[in-house]
Amino acid sequence: MSKRITCTKDRLKSWKSLFEPYGLYNFRSGGGGTDIEPLNEEFNTPIIGLINDTQRYFDYHHSDLDTFDKVNKREVELGAG
């Protein structure tokens, strides 16, 4: 039996000053998705998601064109907090 890891929103917020230099500052509950939710449900893994600029996100995301060669290196670097 795996030990359940608890990371409350308040605990995460207490680390906010460590994240802010990387432009990560908006902490809120909720969200998830089919990509990451099973990690939490099956393995009790704490999960976190990135809320990114989605103006071009679904041009490729989960389509047949969703291949690594389409990744814009600079945009990945900007979101790699």
Protein backbone atom coordinates (compact mmCIF):
# COMPACT_ATOMS: atom_id res chain seq x y z
CA MET A 1 0.00 0.00 0.00
CA SER A 2 1.47 3.35 -1.00
CA LYS A 3 1.62 6.15 1.52
CA ARG A 4 -0.67 9.03 0.62
CA ILE A 5 1.22 12.28 0.06
CA THR A 6 -0.64 15.37 1.15
CA CYS A 7 0.21 18.75 -0.30
CA THR A 8 -2.44 21.24 0.67
CA LYS A 9 -3.06 24.45 -1.18
CA ASP A 10 -1.88 26.38 1.90
CA ARG A 11 1.40 24.45 1.95
CA LEU A 12 1.94 25.18 -1.73
CA LYS A 13 1.18 28.85 -1.16
CA SER A 14 3.80 28.93 1.60
CA TRP A 15 6.39 28.16 -1.11
CA LYS A 16 5.11 30.98 -3.35
CA SER A 17 8.26 33.10 -2.94
CA LEU A 18 10.28 30.22 -4.39
CA PHE A 19 8.10 30.11 -7.51
CA GLU A 20 7.64 33.85 -8.14
CA PRO A 21 11.10 34.46 -9.71
CA TYR A 22 9.99 32.06 -12.46
CA GLY A 23 6.73 33.90 -13.10
CA LEU A 24 4.66 31.28 -11.29
CA TYR A 25 2.24 33.01 -8.97
CA ASN A 26 -1.37 31.99 -9.60
CA PHE A 27 -2.20 29.08 -7.30
CA ARG A 28 -5.75 27.78 -7.29
CA SER A 29 -7.63 24.55 -6.74
CA GLY A 30 -9.43 22.54 -9.36
CA GLY A 31 -8.56 21.59 -12.87
CA GLY A 32 -6.87 18.42 -13.97
CA GLY A 33 -7.48 16.53 -17.12
CA THR A 34 -7.16 13.17 -18.77
CA ASP A 35 -3.40 13.68 -19.13
CA ILE A 36 -2.59 13.88 -15.43
CA GLU A 37 -5.67 12.99 -13.34
CA PRO A 38 -5.02 9.21 -13.47
CA LEU A 39 -1.69 9.76 -11.68
CA ASN A 40 -3.56 11.13 -8.70
CA GLU A 41 -6.42 8.66 -8.82
CA GLU A 42 -4.34 5.50 -9.21
CA PHE A 43 -1.07 6.34 -7.47
CA ASN A 44 -2.07 9.15 -5.07
CA THR A 45 0.50 11.38 -6.76
CA PRO A 46 0.12 15.09 -6.06
CA ILE A 47 -0.48 16.86 -9.37
CA ILE A 48 -0.10 20.39 -10.59
CA GLY A 49 -1.06 21.94 -13.88
CA LEU A 50 0.17 24.84 -15.91
CA ILE A 51 -2.30 27.50 -17.00
CA ASN A 52 -0.71 28.73 -20.18
CA ASP A 53 -1.57 31.13 -22.98
CA THR A 54 -3.89 28.97 -25.05
CA GLN A 55 -4.31 31.14 -28.14
CA ARG A 56 -2.54 28.47 -30.28
CA TYR A 57 -2.68 25.55 -27.85
CA PHE A 58 -5.35 23.53 -29.64
CA ASP A 59 -3.93 24.05 -33.13
CA TYR A 60 -2.03 20.83 -32.50
CA HIS A 61 -2.82 19.53 -28.99
CA HIS A 62 -4.15 15.97 -29.14
CA SER A 63 -4.44 16.06 -32.91
CA ASP A 64 -2.57 13.92 -35.44
CA LEU A 65 -0.18 16.87 -35.76
CA ASP A 66 0.71 16.71 -32.04
CA THR A 67 4.36 15.73 -32.55
CA PHE A 68 7.49 17.07 -30.90
CA ASP A 69 8.79 18.73 -34.05
CA LYS A 70 5.91 21.23 -33.79
CA VAL A 71 7.08 22.50 -30.39
CA ASN A 72 8.26 26.08 -30.33
CA LYS A 73 11.47 25.95 -28.26
CA ARG A 74 11.11 29.50 -26.95
CA GLU A 75 7.52 28.92 -25.81
CA VAL A 76 8.60 25.77 -23.96
CA GLU A 77 11.38 27.72 -22.28
CA LEU A 78 8.91 30.41 -21.21
CA GLY A 79 6.62 27.79 -19.66
CA ALA A 80 9.32 25.64 -18.09
CA GLY A 81 8.97 26.94 -14.54
